[in-house]
Amino acid sequence: MPSEPHAPDPELHAYLPWRNTNARRPDVLAHQCRERARVRSEKGVHYGGRPLAQAA
């Protein structure tokens, strides 16, 4: 754990430029989000929970 919580993290600063150059396209992210929502709705899972029959 760093001695100062607000100290810059060199690993983070090395990662951020890579992430910015390899960012995913917004339309692809939106499509994936809609697909995950569709799968959740098919399963009947709402608000992060599971049906009681499967939870037990």
N, C-alpha and C. Protein backbone atom coordinates (compact mmCIF):
# COMPACT_ATOMS: atom_id res chain seq x y z
N MET A 1 0.86 -1.19 0.00
CA MET A 1 0.00 0.00 0.00
C MET A 1 0.89 1.24 0.00
N PRO A 2 0.56 2.21 -0.85
CA PRO A 2 1.41 3.40 -0.92
C PRO A 2 1.36 4.18 0.39
N SER A 3 2.47 4.84 0.70
CA SER A 3 2.53 5.61 1.93
C SER A 3 1.59 6.80 1.87
N GLU A 4 1.42 7.38 0.69
CA GLU A 4 0.50 8.50 0.52
C GLU A 4 -0.60 8.08 -0.45
N PRO A 5 -1.85 8.12 -0.01
CA PRO A 5 -2.92 7.67 -0.90
C PRO A 5 -3.07 8.53 -2.16
N HIS A 6 -2.65 9.78 -2.11
CA HIS A 6 -2.80 10.65 -3.28
C HIS A 6 -1.55 10.70 -4.16
N ALA A 7 -0.56 9.88 -3.84
CA ALA A 7 0.66 9.86 -4.64
C ALA A 7 0.36 9.26 -6.02
N PRO A 8 0.96 9.79 -7.08
CA PRO A 8 0.72 9.24 -8.42
C PRO A 8 1.23 7.80 -8.54
N ASP A 9 0.45 7.00 -9.19
CA ASP A 9 0.80 5.58 -9.36
C ASP A 9 1.43 5.41 -10.74
N PRO A 10 2.71 5.01 -10.81
CA PRO A 10 3.36 4.89 -12.13
C PRO A 10 2.72 3.84 -13.02
N GLU A 11 2.22 2.75 -12.43
CA GLU A 11 1.57 1.73 -13.26
C GLU A 11 0.29 2.28 -13.88
N LEU A 12 -0.46 3.05 -13.11
CA LEU A 12 -1.68 3.64 -13.64
C LEU A 12 -1.36 4.62 -14.76
N HIS A 13 -0.35 5.43 -14.56
CA HIS A 13 0.01 6.42 -15.58
C HIS A 13 0.56 5.75 -16.83
N ALA A 14 1.13 4.58 -16.70
CA ALA A 14 1.59 3.85 -17.88
C ALA A 14 0.41 3.20 -18.60
N TYR A 15 -0.62 2.83 -17.84
CA TYR A 15 -1.77 2.14 -18.43
C TYR A 15 -2.72 3.10 -19.13
N LEU A 16 -2.89 4.31 -18.60
CA LEU A 16 -3.90 5.22 -19.14
C LEU A 16 -3.68 5.57 -20.62
N PRO A 17 -2.48 5.87 -21.08
CA PRO A 17 -2.32 6.14 -22.52
C PRO A 17 -2.68 4.92 -23.38
N TRP A 18 -2.33 3.72 -22.90
CA TRP A 18 -2.69 2.51 -23.65
C TRP A 18 -4.20 2.38 -23.74
N ARG A 19 -4.89 2.62 -22.62
CA ARG A 19 -6.34 2.50 -22.62
C ARG A 19 -6.97 3.52 -23.55
N ASN A 20 -6.43 4.72 -23.58
CA ASN A 20 -6.99 5.76 -24.44
C ASN A 20 -6.80 5.42 -25.91
N THR A 21 -5.66 4.85 -26.27
CA THR A 21 -5.43 4.51 -27.68
C THR A 21 -6.19 3.25 -28.08
N ASN A 22 -6.54 2.39 -27.11
CA ASN A 22 -7.25 1.16 -27.41
C ASN A 22 -8.69 1.20 -26.90
N ALA A 23 -9.25 2.39 -26.89
CA ALA A 23 -10.63 2.54 -26.40
C ALA A 23 -11.59 1.83 -27.34
N ARG A 24 -12.67 1.31 -26.77
CA ARG A 24 -13.66 0.64 -27.59
C ARG A 24 -14.62 1.67 -28.17
N ARG A 25 -15.16 1.33 -29.33
CA ARG A 25 -16.07 2.24 -30.00
C ARG A 25 -17.37 2.36 -29.20
N PRO A 26 -17.92 3.56 -29.06
CA PRO A 26 -19.14 3.75 -28.28
C PRO A 26 -20.32 2.93 -28.79
N ASP A 27 -20.43 2.76 -30.11
CA ASP A 27 -21.55 1.98 -30.62
C ASP A 27 -21.41 0.50 -30.25
N VAL A 28 -20.17 0.00 -30.20
CA VAL A 28 -19.96 -1.39 -29.79
C VAL A 28 -20.30 -1.57 -28.32
N LEU A 29 -19.87 -0.62 -27.48
CA LEU A 29 -20.19 -0.69 -26.05
C LEU A 29 -21.70 -0.64 -25.83
N ALA A 30 -22.40 0.22 -26.56
CA ALA A 30 -23.85 0.33 -26.41
C ALA A 30 -24.53 -0.97 -26.83
N HIS A 31 -24.05 -1.59 -27.91
CA HIS A 31 -24.63 -2.85 -28.36
C HIS A 31 -24.42 -3.94 -27.32
N GLN A 32 -23.23 -4.02 -26.73
CA GLN A 32 -22.97 -5.02 -25.70
C GLN A 32 -23.84 -4.80 -24.48
N CYS A 33 -24.04 -3.54 -24.10
CA CYS A 33 -24.88 -3.22 -22.96
C CYS A 33 -26.32 -3.67 -23.22
N ARG A 34 -26.83 -3.38 -24.43
CA ARG A 34 -28.20 -3.80 -24.76
C ARG A 34 -28.32 -5.32 -24.77
N GLU A 35 -27.30 -6.00 -25.27
CA GLU A 35 -27.33 -7.46 -25.32
C GLU A 35 -27.35 -8.05 -23.91
N ARG A 36 -26.54 -7.51 -23.01
CA ARG A 36 -26.55 -8.00 -21.63
C ARG A 36 -27.90 -7.76 -20.97
N ALA A 37 -28.52 -6.61 -21.25
CA ALA A 37 -29.84 -6.31 -20.69
C ALA A 37 -30.88 -7.28 -21.24
N ARG A 38 -30.76 -7.62 -22.53
CA ARG A 38 -31.72 -8.56 -23.13
C ARG A 38 -31.60 -9.93 -22.47
N VAL A 39 -30.36 -10.38 -22.25
CA VAL A 39 -30.15 -11.69 -21.62
C VAL A 39 -30.70 -11.67 -20.20
N ARG A 40 -30.44 -10.58 -19.47
CA ARG A 40 -30.96 -10.48 -18.10
C ARG A 40 -32.48 -10.54 -18.09
N SER A 41 -33.12 -9.86 -19.04
CA SER A 41 -34.58 -9.85 -19.05
C SER A 41 -35.13 -11.22 -19.41
N GLU A 42 -34.42 -11.96 -20.27
CA GLU A 42 -34.87 -13.32 -20.60
C GLU A 42 -34.79 -14.22 -19.37
N LYS A 43 -33.77 -14.01 -18.54
CA LYS A 43 -33.62 -14.83 -17.35
C LYS A 43 -34.59 -14.40 -16.24
N GLY A 44 -35.17 -13.23 -16.36
CA GLY A 44 -36.05 -12.73 -15.33
C GLY A 44 -35.31 -12.14 -14.15
N VAL A 45 -34.07 -11.74 -14.36
CA VAL A 45 -33.27 -11.16 -13.28
C VAL A 45 -33.40 -9.65 -13.35
N HIS A 46 -33.82 -9.06 -12.24
CA HIS A 46 -33.99 -7.61 -12.19
C HIS A 46 -33.28 -7.06 -10.96
N TYR A 47 -32.69 -5.88 -11.09
CA TYR A 47 -32.04 -5.17 -9.99
C TYR A 47 -30.95 -6.01 -9.34
N GLY A 48 -30.26 -6.83 -10.10
CA GLY A 48 -29.11 -7.56 -9.60
C GLY A 48 -29.41 -8.79 -8.78
N GLY A 49 -30.67 -9.19 -8.66
CA GLY A 49 -31.00 -10.35 -7.85
C GLY A 49 -31.37 -11.54 -8.70
N ARG A 50 -31.59 -12.66 -8.04
CA ARG A 50 -32.03 -13.88 -8.73
C ARG A 50 -33.40 -14.26 -8.21
N PRO A 51 -34.19 -14.99 -9.00
CA PRO A 51 -35.47 -15.48 -8.49
C PRO A 51 -35.27 -16.34 -7.24
N LEU A 52 -36.21 -16.30 -6.33
CA LEU A 52 -36.07 -17.02 -5.06
C LEU A 52 -35.91 -18.51 -5.24
N ALA A 53 -36.54 -19.08 -6.27
CA ALA A 53 -36.46 -20.53 -6.49
C ALA A 53 -35.01 -20.95 -6.80
N GLN A 54 -34.27 -20.11 -7.53
CA GLN A 54 -32.90 -20.44 -7.88
C GLN A 54 -31.92 -20.05 -6.79
N ALA A 55 -32.27 -19.07 -5.95
CA ALA A 55 -31.34 -18.56 -4.94
C ALA A 55 -31.13 -19.57 -3.83
N ALA A 56 -32.12 -20.42 -3.55
CA ALA A 56 -32.00 -21.34 -2.42
C ALA A 56 -31.14 -22.55 -2.74
